[in-house]
Amino acid sequence: MVDKIETEVLKTITQVAKIDFGKKFDKSLLNFRWDSLQHIRIIIAIEKKFKVKISTSDIGKLNDAKSIIDYLKKK
């Protein structure tokens, strides 16, 4: 079962990276990687969506959807 954080992170990533996975999110998106420009855009969008500030030292570690979801669940 997909929880709310996971759904919102996947939705944000697909919107920012302009990925069309249809209406149903596939688990393969959890390991989807993006380029450096998309990375910055995704991090900014996640910060705005979840009203968090991600430290510079953590930004480099958040390189796929799963790592972002795990990070947010710890906050």
C-alpha atoms as a PDB file:
ATOM      1  CA  MET A   1       0.000   0.000   0.000  1.00  0.00           C
ATOM      2  CA  VAL A   2       1.292   3.430  -0.944  1.00  0.00           C
ATOM      3  CA  ASP A   3       1.172   6.037   1.813  1.00  0.00           C
ATOM      4  CA  LYS A   4       0.508   9.761   1.495  1.00  0.00           C
ATOM      5  CA  ILE A   5       4.174  10.853   1.608  1.00  0.00           C
ATOM      6  CA  GLU A   6       5.127   8.333  -1.063  1.00  0.00           C
ATOM      7  CA  THR A   7       2.222   9.380  -3.288  1.00  0.00           C
ATOM      8  CA  GLU A   8       3.018  13.087  -2.973  1.00  0.00           C
ATOM      9  CA  VAL A   9       6.754  12.589  -3.588  1.00  0.00           C
ATOM     10  CA  LEU A  10       6.090  10.468  -6.691  1.00  0.00           C
ATOM     11  CA  LYS A  11       3.535  12.967  -7.946  1.00  0.00           C
ATOM     12  CA  THR A  12       5.966  15.859  -7.436  1.00  0.00           C
ATOM     13  CA  ILE A  13       8.815  14.042  -9.186  1.00  0.00           C
ATOM     14  CA  THR A  14       6.668  13.110 -12.182  1.00  0.00           C
ATOM     15  CA  GLN A  15       5.441  16.697 -12.515  1.00  0.00           C
ATOM     16  CA  VAL A  16       8.876  18.312 -12.196  1.00  0.00           C
ATOM     17  CA  ALA A  17      10.696  15.763 -14.353  1.00  0.00           C
ATOM     18  CA  LYS A  18       7.775  15.674 -16.811  1.00  0.00           C
ATOM     19  CA  ILE A  19       7.463  11.895 -16.660  1.00  0.00           C
ATOM     20  CA  ASP A  20       4.217  10.279 -17.712  1.00  0.00           C
ATOM     21  CA  PHE A  21       3.652   7.096 -15.743  1.00  0.00           C
ATOM     22  CA  GLY A  22      -0.092   7.276 -16.206  1.00  0.00           C
ATOM     23  CA  LYS A  23      -2.495   7.546 -13.322  1.00  0.00           C
ATOM     24  CA  LYS A  24      -0.987   4.624 -11.378  1.00  0.00           C
ATOM     25  CA  PHE A  25       2.498   4.976  -9.917  1.00  0.00           C
ATOM     26  CA  ASP A  26       4.773   2.069 -10.627  1.00  0.00           C
ATOM     27  CA  LYS A  27       7.266   0.929  -7.983  1.00  0.00           C
ATOM     28  CA  SER A  28      10.005   1.324 -10.622  1.00  0.00           C
ATOM     29  CA  LEU A  29       9.686   5.088 -10.138  1.00  0.00           C
ATOM     30  CA  LEU A  30      11.139   4.654  -6.635  1.00  0.00           C
ATOM     31  CA  ASN A  31      14.545   3.993  -8.236  1.00  0.00           C
ATOM     32  CA  PHE A  32      14.203   6.433 -11.146  1.00  0.00           C
ATOM     33  CA  ARG A  33      17.247   8.707 -11.463  1.00  0.00           C
ATOM     34  CA  TRP A  34      17.323  12.189 -12.932  1.00  0.00           C
ATOM     35  CA  ASP A  35      19.919  14.673 -14.171  1.00  0.00           C
ATOM     36  CA  SER A  36      21.491  17.402 -12.009  1.00  0.00           C
ATOM     37  CA  LEU A  37      19.187  20.191 -13.166  1.00  0.00           C
ATOM     38  CA  GLN A  38      16.097  18.098 -12.520  1.00  0.00           C
ATOM     39  CA  HIS A  39      17.601  17.181  -9.141  1.00  0.00           C
ATOM     40  CA  ILE A  40      17.677  20.807  -8.010  1.00  0.00           C
ATOM     41  CA  ARG A  41      14.158  21.417  -9.317  1.00  0.00           C
ATOM     42  CA  ILE A  42      12.849  18.301  -7.582  1.00  0.00           C
ATOM     43  CA  ILE A  43      14.492  19.212  -4.263  1.00  0.00           C
ATOM     44  CA  ILE A  44      13.036  22.740  -4.412  1.00  0.00           C
ATOM     45  CA  ALA A  45       9.586  21.358  -5.236  1.00  0.00           C
ATOM     46  CA  ILE A  46       9.809  18.838  -2.377  1.00  0.00           C
ATOM     47  CA  GLU A  47      10.865  21.580   0.059  1.00  0.00           C
ATOM     48  CA  LYS A  48       7.881  23.710  -0.961  1.00  0.00           C
ATOM     49  CA  LYS A  49       5.401  20.818  -0.977  1.00  0.00           C
ATOM     50  CA  PHE A  50       6.396  19.465   2.428  1.00  0.00           C
ATOM     51  CA  LYS A  51       7.438  22.791   3.967  1.00  0.00           C
ATOM     52  CA  VAL A  52      10.894  21.508   4.917  1.00  0.00           C
ATOM     53  CA  LYS A  53      14.410  22.822   4.456  1.00  0.00           C
ATOM     54  CA  ILE A  54      16.797  20.165   3.185  1.00  0.00           C
ATOM     55  CA  SER A  55      20.376  20.811   4.224  1.00  0.00           C
ATOM     56  CA  THR A  56      23.066  21.131   1.589  1.00  0.00           C
ATOM     57  CA  SER A  57      24.796  18.056   2.977  1.00  0.00           C
ATOM     58  CA  ASP A  58      21.609  15.984   2.538  1.00  0.00           C
ATOM     59  CA  ILE A  59      20.721  17.178  -0.972  1.00  0.00           C
ATOM     60  CA  GLY A  60      23.400  15.024  -2.612  1.00  0.00           C
ATOM     61  CA  LYS A  61      22.173  11.926  -0.788  1.00  0.00           C
ATOM     62  CA  LEU A  62      18.599  12.324  -2.064  1.00  0.00           C
ATOM     63  CA  ASN A  63      19.200  10.970  -5.542  1.00  0.00           C
ATOM     64  CA  ASP A  64      16.078   8.874  -6.071  1.00  0.00           C
ATOM     65  CA  ALA A  65      12.462   8.829  -4.932  1.00  0.00           C
ATOM     66  CA  LYS A  66      13.045   6.182  -2.279  1.00  0.00           C
ATOM     67  CA  SER A  67      15.778   8.200  -0.559  1.00  0.00           C
ATOM     68  CA  ILE A  68      13.560  11.312  -0.568  1.00  0.00           C
ATOM     69  CA  ILE A  69      10.623   9.374   0.878  1.00  0.00           C
ATOM     70  CA  ASP A  70      12.790   7.819   3.593  1.00  0.00           C
ATOM     71  CA  TYR A  71      14.249  11.251   4.422  1.00  0.00           C
ATOM     72  CA  LEU A  72      10.806  12.838   4.765  1.00  0.00           C
ATOM     73  CA  LYS A  73       9.468  10.019   6.916  1.00  0.00           C
ATOM     74  CA  LYS A  74      12.270  10.690   9.401  1.00  0.00           C
ATOM     75  CA  LYS A  75      11.358  14.390   9.642  1.00  0.00           C
END
